[in-house]
N, C-alpha and C. Protein backbone atom coordinates (compact mmCIF):
# COMPACT_ATOMS: atom_id res chain seq x y z
N UNK A 1 0.82 -1.18 0.04
CA UNK A 1 -0.01 0.03 0.01
C UNK A 1 0.84 1.25 -0.02
N UNK A 2 2.04 1.16 0.64
CA UNK A 2 2.84 2.33 0.75
C UNK A 2 3.43 2.73 -0.65
N UNK A 3 3.86 1.72 -1.39
CA UNK A 3 4.29 1.95 -2.74
C UNK A 3 3.27 2.61 -3.64
N UNK A 4 2.07 2.09 -3.45
CA UNK A 4 0.96 2.54 -4.31
C UNK A 4 0.77 4.19 -4.01
N UNK A 5 0.74 4.51 -2.70
CA UNK A 5 0.55 5.88 -2.36
C UNK A 5 1.75 6.76 -2.77
N UNK A 6 2.84 6.30 -2.72
CA UNK A 6 4.08 7.10 -3.17
C UNK A 6 4.03 7.29 -4.65
N UNK A 7 3.63 6.16 -5.52
CA UNK A 7 3.65 6.36 -6.99
C UNK A 7 2.39 7.23 -7.21
N UNK A 8 1.32 7.14 -6.56
CA UNK A 8 0.17 7.95 -6.79
C UNK A 8 0.57 9.47 -6.62
N UNK A 9 1.21 9.72 -5.54
CA UNK A 9 1.74 11.11 -5.17
C UNK A 9 2.58 11.62 -6.19
N UNK A 10 3.48 10.77 -6.61
CA UNK A 10 4.45 11.24 -7.72
C UNK A 10 3.71 11.52 -9.07
N UNK A 11 2.73 10.57 -9.35
CA UNK A 11 2.10 10.96 -10.69
C UNK A 11 1.20 12.18 -10.63
N UNK A 12 0.56 12.46 -9.48
CA UNK A 12 -0.17 13.68 -9.42
C UNK A 12 0.70 14.87 -9.43
N UNK A 13 1.88 14.72 -8.79
CA UNK A 13 2.91 15.97 -8.87
C UNK A 13 3.44 16.19 -10.16
N UNK A 14 3.59 15.02 -11.02
CA UNK A 14 4.03 15.27 -12.45
C UNK A 14 2.93 15.88 -13.25
N UNK A 15 1.76 15.50 -13.05
CA UNK A 15 0.54 16.22 -13.74
C UNK A 15 0.58 17.63 -13.32
N UNK A 16 0.74 17.88 -12.07
CA UNK A 16 0.74 19.31 -11.64
C UNK A 16 1.79 20.06 -12.30
N UNK A 17 3.03 19.55 -12.33
CA UNK A 17 4.18 20.30 -13.03
C UNK A 17 3.91 20.37 -14.51
N UNK A 18 3.30 19.42 -15.14
CA UNK A 18 3.12 19.53 -16.64
C UNK A 18 1.98 20.64 -16.86
N UNK A 19 1.05 20.70 -16.05
CA UNK A 19 -0.02 21.65 -16.14
C UNK A 19 0.54 23.15 -15.90
N UNK A 20 1.41 23.28 -14.95
CA UNK A 20 1.99 24.53 -14.62
C UNK A 20 2.70 24.97 -15.87
N UNK A 21 3.54 24.00 -16.48
CA UNK A 21 4.36 24.30 -17.67
C UNK A 21 3.48 24.71 -18.84
N UNK A 22 2.29 24.12 -18.94
CA UNK A 22 1.34 24.40 -20.03
C UNK A 22 0.82 25.90 -19.81
N UNK A 23 0.43 26.26 -18.60
CA UNK A 23 -0.09 27.47 -18.32
C UNK A 23 0.98 28.52 -18.60
N UNK A 24 2.17 28.29 -18.18
CA UNK A 24 3.29 29.27 -18.41
C UNK A 24 3.46 29.38 -19.93
N UNK A 25 3.51 28.35 -20.64
CA UNK A 25 3.64 28.34 -22.10
C UNK A 25 2.53 29.18 -22.73
N UNK A 26 1.37 28.93 -22.36
CA UNK A 26 0.21 29.50 -22.96
C UNK A 26 0.05 31.07 -22.55
N UNK A 27 0.54 31.34 -21.42
CA UNK A 27 0.52 32.68 -20.82
C UNK A 27 -0.87 33.16 -20.54
N UNK A 28 -1.77 32.28 -20.30
CA UNK A 28 -3.21 32.52 -19.97
C UNK A 28 -3.55 31.57 -18.84
N UNK A 29 -4.34 31.98 -17.92
CA UNK A 29 -4.97 31.08 -16.81
C UNK A 29 -6.49 31.04 -17.00
N UNK A 30 -7.02 29.96 -17.15
CA UNK A 30 -8.42 29.77 -17.29
C UNK A 30 -8.94 29.28 -15.89
N UNK A 31 -10.19 29.36 -15.67
CA UNK A 31 -10.78 28.83 -14.37
C UNK A 31 -10.59 27.34 -14.24
N UNK A 32 -10.61 26.65 -15.28
CA UNK A 32 -10.42 25.14 -15.15
C UNK A 32 -8.90 24.88 -14.78
N UNK A 33 -7.98 25.70 -15.10
CA UNK A 33 -6.69 25.64 -14.73
C UNK A 33 -6.48 25.54 -13.24
N UNK A 34 -7.17 26.44 -12.62
CA UNK A 34 -7.10 26.62 -11.22
C UNK A 34 -7.69 25.44 -10.51
N UNK A 35 -8.78 24.91 -11.01
CA UNK A 35 -9.39 23.74 -10.50
C UNK A 35 -8.46 22.39 -10.70
N UNK A 36 -7.78 22.27 -11.77
CA UNK A 36 -6.90 21.13 -12.11
C UNK A 36 -5.68 21.23 -11.14
N UNK A 37 -5.24 22.41 -11.05
CA UNK A 37 -4.01 22.56 -10.28
C UNK A 37 -4.25 22.35 -8.76
N UNK A 38 -5.37 22.81 -8.33
CA UNK A 38 -5.79 22.70 -7.00
C UNK A 38 -5.99 21.13 -6.57
N UNK A 39 -6.70 20.46 -7.52
CA UNK A 39 -6.97 19.04 -7.32
C UNK A 39 -5.71 18.25 -7.37
N UNK A 40 -4.91 18.47 -8.29
CA UNK A 40 -3.58 17.71 -8.45
C UNK A 40 -2.67 17.99 -7.27
N UNK A 41 -2.65 19.25 -6.83
CA UNK A 41 -1.79 19.52 -5.64
C UNK A 41 -2.37 18.82 -4.34
N UNK A 42 -3.67 18.96 -4.20
CA UNK A 42 -4.22 18.25 -2.99
C UNK A 42 -4.06 16.82 -2.94
N UNK A 43 -4.36 16.18 -4.14
CA UNK A 43 -4.16 14.74 -4.07
C UNK A 43 -2.77 14.27 -3.97
N UNK A 44 -1.79 14.99 -4.50
CA UNK A 44 -0.38 14.69 -4.27
C UNK A 44 0.00 14.81 -2.84
N UNK A 45 -0.30 15.90 -2.24
CA UNK A 45 0.04 16.09 -0.83
C UNK A 45 -0.65 15.07 0.02
N UNK A 46 -1.89 14.78 -0.20
CA UNK A 46 -2.64 13.82 0.56
C UNK A 46 -2.01 12.42 0.41
N UNK A 47 -1.59 11.94 -0.80
CA UNK A 47 -0.96 10.73 -0.94
C UNK A 47 0.39 10.61 -0.30
N UNK A 48 1.26 11.69 -0.42
CA UNK A 48 2.48 11.75 0.27
C UNK A 48 2.37 11.69 1.82
N UNK A 49 1.40 12.38 2.28
CA UNK A 49 1.30 12.39 3.72
C UNK A 49 0.73 11.04 4.30
N UNK A 50 -0.14 10.36 3.54
CA UNK A 50 -0.59 9.00 3.93
C UNK A 50 0.61 8.03 3.82
N UNK A 51 1.44 8.14 2.80
CA UNK A 51 2.53 7.19 2.59
C UNK A 51 3.51 7.51 3.71
N UNK A 52 3.78 8.74 4.16
CA UNK A 52 4.68 8.92 5.20
C UNK A 52 4.21 8.48 6.53
N UNK A 53 2.97 8.63 6.77
CA UNK A 53 2.37 8.10 8.01
C UNK A 53 2.28 6.51 8.11
N UNK A 54 2.27 5.91 7.02
CA UNK A 54 2.17 4.50 6.98
C UNK A 54 3.68 3.98 7.34
N UNK A 55 4.66 4.74 7.02
CA UNK A 55 6.07 4.26 7.40
C UNK A 55 6.33 4.20 8.82
N UNK A 56 5.66 5.02 9.66
CA UNK A 56 5.97 5.04 11.00
C UNK A 56 5.10 3.97 11.77
């Protein structure tokens, strides 16, 4: 379960980074961008925190 959480956190962090790159390249921010970035960041942090708590 720990490996699943860490991989999930990593994947959402990569999606977050790719979306930030897309917004910077496009030089415009849409309302859906804020939603996608918020959800990806939240899920990434949530997965990493759960993975770290499982280690202890």
